[in-house]
Amino acid sequence: MDPVGSAEPKKSKKSKKKKKSKKVKDNKGNVDNLQKDVDQIAEIMVTNIDKMLERAENLEDLMENAEDLEAQAKGFQVVTMKVKEKEKWKYQKSKMCLTLIIVFIMIAIIAIILLIVQPW
C-alpha cells in the first residue's frame, strides 16, 4: 500500500512515457494533416487566381472587340445614311422624269385632240 494509505497503484514511468509519446505522435499527425489541408487550399487558391487572371485577360479582349464593333457600327451608320440620301435623290430624279414624261404625253394628247376637233 501507499504510505499515505490510498489503495491506488502507482503508475509507472514507462506508462507515462508511452502516453506522452502517443500524444506527441497524435499531435504530429494532426499537424501533418493540417499542413496537407493548408497545402491543398493554397494550391486551390493559386489555381483560382490563375483562372481569375485568365478571365480578366479574356474580358479585356472582349472589351477591345466591343469597342472595335462599336466603331465599325458608327462607320456603317454613316455609310448607310449617305447611301440612303443618294438613293433618295435617285428616286426623286426618276419620279420627276416620270412626271415630266406623263405631262409631255398629256400635252401631246391634248394638242392632237385640239387639232382634230378644231383644225385651223
C-alpha atoms as a PDB file:
ATOM      1  CA  MET A   1       0.000   0.000   0.000  1.00  0.00           C
ATOM      2  CA  ASP A   2       0.831   3.582  -0.381  1.00  0.00           C
ATOM      3  CA  PRO A   3       2.429   5.373   2.556  1.00  0.00           C
ATOM      4  CA  VAL A   4      -0.468   7.806   2.505  1.00  0.00           C
ATOM      5  CA  GLY A   5      -2.834   4.951   2.699  1.00  0.00           C
ATOM      6  CA  SER A   6      -4.524   5.041  -0.673  1.00  0.00           C
ATOM      7  CA  ALA A   7      -5.408   1.885  -2.464  1.00  0.00           C
ATOM      8  CA  GLU A   8      -4.421   3.174  -5.949  1.00  0.00           C
ATOM      9  CA  PRO A   9      -1.404   1.544  -7.518  1.00  0.00           C
ATOM     10  CA  LYS A  10       1.409   3.827  -8.624  1.00  0.00           C
ATOM     11  CA  LYS A  11       1.678   4.490 -12.322  1.00  0.00           C
ATOM     12  CA  SER A  12       4.975   3.559 -13.691  1.00  0.00           C
ATOM     13  CA  LYS A  13       7.213   5.958 -15.524  1.00  0.00           C
ATOM     14  CA  LYS A  14       7.075   3.714 -18.604  1.00  0.00           C
ATOM     15  CA  SER A  15       3.286   4.030 -18.985  1.00  0.00           C
ATOM     16  CA  LYS A  16       3.564   7.818 -18.616  1.00  0.00           C
ATOM     17  CA  LYS A  17       6.223   7.914 -21.331  1.00  0.00           C
ATOM     18  CA  LYS A  18       4.040   5.761 -23.612  1.00  0.00           C
ATOM     19  CA  LYS A  19       1.080   8.088 -23.178  1.00  0.00           C
ATOM     20  CA  LYS A  20       3.273  11.118 -23.732  1.00  0.00           C
ATOM     21  CA  SER A  21       4.827   9.659 -26.889  1.00  0.00           C
ATOM     22  CA  LYS A  22       1.353   8.680 -28.135  1.00  0.00           C
ATOM     23  CA  LYS A  23       0.128  12.273 -27.594  1.00  0.00           C
ATOM     24  CA  VAL A  24       3.179  13.621 -29.437  1.00  0.00           C
ATOM     25  CA  LYS A  25       2.508  11.230 -32.330  1.00  0.00           C
ATOM     26  CA  ASP A  26      -1.163  12.226 -32.396  1.00  0.00           C
ATOM     27  CA  ASN A  27      -0.238  15.911 -32.353  1.00  0.00           C
ATOM     28  CA  LYS A  28       2.321  15.346 -35.090  1.00  0.00           C
ATOM     29  CA  GLY A  29      -0.312  13.513 -37.155  1.00  0.00           C
ATOM     30  CA  ASN A  30      -2.747  16.389 -36.631  1.00  0.00           C
ATOM     31  CA  VAL A  31      -0.086  18.904 -37.669  1.00  0.00           C
ATOM     32  CA  ASP A  32       0.705  16.848 -40.749  1.00  0.00           C
ATOM     33  CA  ASN A  33      -2.979  16.655 -41.650  1.00  0.00           C
ATOM     34  CA  LEU A  34      -3.402  20.374 -41.114  1.00  0.00           C
ATOM     35  CA  GLN A  35      -0.326  21.086 -43.245  1.00  0.00           C
ATOM     36  CA  LYS A  36      -1.722  18.905 -46.038  1.00  0.00           C
ATOM     37  CA  ASP A  37      -5.025  20.779 -45.836  1.00  0.00           C
ATOM     38  CA  VAL A  38      -3.211  24.127 -45.934  1.00  0.00           C
ATOM     39  CA  ASP A  39      -1.167  22.977 -48.942  1.00  0.00           C
ATOM     40  CA  GLN A  40      -4.305  21.855 -50.764  1.00  0.00           C
ATOM     41  CA  ILE A  41      -6.047  25.135 -50.034  1.00  0.00           C
ATOM     42  CA  ALA A  42      -3.001  27.096 -51.197  1.00  0.00           C
ATOM     43  CA  GLU A  43      -2.934  25.083 -54.425  1.00  0.00           C
ATOM     44  CA  ILE A  44      -6.639  25.715 -54.992  1.00  0.00           C
ATOM     45  CA  MET A  45      -6.140  29.428 -54.338  1.00  0.00           C
ATOM     46  CA  VAL A  46      -3.262  29.596 -56.849  1.00  0.00           C
ATOM     47  CA  THR A  47      -5.422  27.820 -59.416  1.00  0.00           C
ATOM     48  CA  ASN A  48      -8.314  30.206 -58.750  1.00  0.00           C
ATOM     49  CA  ILE A  49      -6.055  33.240 -59.067  1.00  0.00           C
ATOM     50  CA  ASP A  50      -4.689  31.926 -62.380  1.00  0.00           C
ATOM     51  CA  LYS A  51      -8.222  31.401 -63.645  1.00  0.00           C
ATOM     52  CA  MET A  52      -9.223  34.876 -62.479  1.00  0.00           C
ATOM     53  CA  LEU A  53      -6.277  36.442 -64.318  1.00  0.00           C
ATOM     54  CA  GLU A  54      -7.130  34.482 -67.449  1.00  0.00           C
ATOM     55  CA  ARG A  55     -10.727  35.670 -67.245  1.00  0.00           C
ATOM     56  CA  ALA A  56      -9.536  39.247 -66.796  1.00  0.00           C
ATOM     57  CA  GLU A  57      -7.467  38.934 -69.977  1.00  0.00           C
ATOM     58  CA  ASN A  58     -10.454  37.464 -71.817  1.00  0.00           C
ATOM     59  CA  LEU A  59     -12.606  40.290 -70.540  1.00  0.00           C
ATOM     60  CA  GLU A  60     -10.100  42.851 -71.806  1.00  0.00           C
ATOM     61  CA  ASP A  61     -10.121  41.161 -75.216  1.00  0.00           C
ATOM     62  CA  LEU A  62     -13.913  41.246 -75.254  1.00  0.00           C
ATOM     63  CA  MET A  63     -13.906  44.916 -74.325  1.00  0.00           C
ATOM     64  CA  GLU A  64     -11.498  45.696 -77.173  1.00  0.00           C
ATOM     65  CA  ASN A  65     -13.657  43.706 -79.597  1.00  0.00           C
ATOM     66  CA  ALA A  66     -16.765  45.521 -78.392  1.00  0.00           C
ATOM     67  CA  GLU A  67     -15.088  48.901 -78.916  1.00  0.00           C
ATOM     68  CA  ASP A  68     -13.999  47.863 -82.422  1.00  0.00           C
ATOM     69  CA  LEU A  69     -17.505  46.705 -83.246  1.00  0.00           C
ATOM     70  CA  GLU A  70     -18.939  49.957 -81.941  1.00  0.00           C
ATOM     71  CA  ALA A  71     -16.576  51.967 -84.164  1.00  0.00           C
ATOM     72  CA  GLN A  72     -17.485  49.784 -87.140  1.00  0.00           C
ATOM     73  CA  ALA A  73     -21.181  50.225 -86.388  1.00  0.00           C
ATOM     74  CA  LYS A  74     -20.796  54.008 -86.345  1.00  0.00           C
ATOM     75  CA  GLY A  75     -18.927  53.893 -89.654  1.00  0.00           C
ATOM     76  CA  PHE A  76     -21.596  51.643 -91.111  1.00  0.00           C
ATOM     77  CA  GLN A  77     -24.284  54.037 -89.935  1.00  0.00           C
ATOM     78  CA  VAL A  78     -22.565  56.961 -91.683  1.00  0.00           C
ATOM     79  CA  VAL A  79     -22.230  54.958 -94.904  1.00  0.00           C
ATOM     80  CA  THR A  80     -25.871  53.856 -94.798  1.00  0.00           C
ATOM     81  CA  MET A  81     -27.023  57.438 -94.286  1.00  0.00           C
ATOM     82  CA  LYS A  82     -25.015  58.525 -97.350  1.00  0.00           C
ATOM     83  CA  VAL A  83     -26.422  55.652 -99.407  1.00  0.00           C
ATOM     84  CA  LYS A  84     -29.919  56.487 -98.213  1.00  0.00           C
ATOM     85  CA  GLU A  85     -29.547  60.125 -99.295  1.00  0.00           C
ATOM     86  CA  LYS A  86     -28.094  59.064-102.640  1.00  0.00           C
ATOM     87  CA  GLU A  87     -30.954  56.628-103.254  1.00  0.00           C
ATOM     88  CA  LYS A  88     -33.475  59.241-102.149  1.00  0.00           C
ATOM     89  CA  TRP A  89     -32.175  61.703-104.756  1.00  0.00           C
ATOM     90  CA  LYS A  90     -32.115  58.947-107.349  1.00  0.00           C
ATOM     91  CA  TYR A  91     -35.758  58.158-106.568  1.00  0.00           C
ATOM     92  CA  GLN A  92     -36.675  61.857-106.700  1.00  0.00           C
ATOM     93  CA  LYS A  93     -34.966  62.250-110.104  1.00  0.00           C
ATOM     94  CA  SER A  94     -36.760  59.232-111.549  1.00  0.00           C
ATOM     95  CA  LYS A  95     -40.059  60.476-110.122  1.00  0.00           C
ATOM     96  CA  MET A  96     -39.542  63.925-111.688  1.00  0.00           C
ATOM     97  CA  CYS A  97     -38.578  62.382-115.056  1.00  0.00           C
ATOM     98  CA  LEU A  98     -41.650  60.152-114.999  1.00  0.00           C
ATOM     99  CA  THR A  99     -43.863  63.124-114.105  1.00  0.00           C
ATOM    100  CA  LEU A 100     -42.378  65.202-116.963  1.00  0.00           C
ATOM    101  CA  ILE A 101     -42.894  62.357-119.417  1.00  0.00           C
ATOM    102  CA  ILE A 102     -46.529  61.962-118.317  1.00  0.00           C
ATOM    103  CA  VAL A 103     -47.099  65.745-118.601  1.00  0.00           C
ATOM    104  CA  PHE A 104     -45.464  65.801-122.047  1.00  0.00           C
ATOM    105  CA  ILE A 105     -47.630  62.868-123.207  1.00  0.00           C
ATOM    106  CA  MET A 106     -50.780  64.586-121.874  1.00  0.00           C
ATOM    107  CA  ILE A 107     -49.863  67.837-123.651  1.00  0.00           C
ATOM    108  CA  ALA A 108     -49.251  65.894-126.832  1.00  0.00           C
ATOM    109  CA  ILE A 109     -52.624  64.099-126.497  1.00  0.00           C
ATOM    110  CA  ILE A 110     -54.443  67.375-125.812  1.00  0.00           C
ATOM    111  CA  ALA A 111     -52.701  69.039-128.758  1.00  0.00           C
ATOM    112  CA  ILE A 112     -53.674  66.169-131.052  1.00  0.00           C
ATOM    113  CA  ILE A 113     -57.283  66.285-129.830  1.00  0.00           C
ATOM    114  CA  LEU A 114     -57.421  70.054-130.331  1.00  0.00           C
ATOM    115  CA  LEU A 115     -56.008  69.757-133.845  1.00  0.00           C
ATOM    116  CA  ILE A 116     -58.541  67.099-134.712  1.00  0.00           C
ATOM    117  CA  VAL A 117     -61.503  68.939-133.213  1.00  0.00           C
ATOM    118  CA  GLN A 118     -60.576  72.408-134.415  1.00  0.00           C
ATOM    119  CA  PRO A 119     -58.428  72.473-137.441  1.00  0.00           C
ATOM    120  CA  TRP A 120     -57.001  75.938-138.057  1.00  0.00           C
END
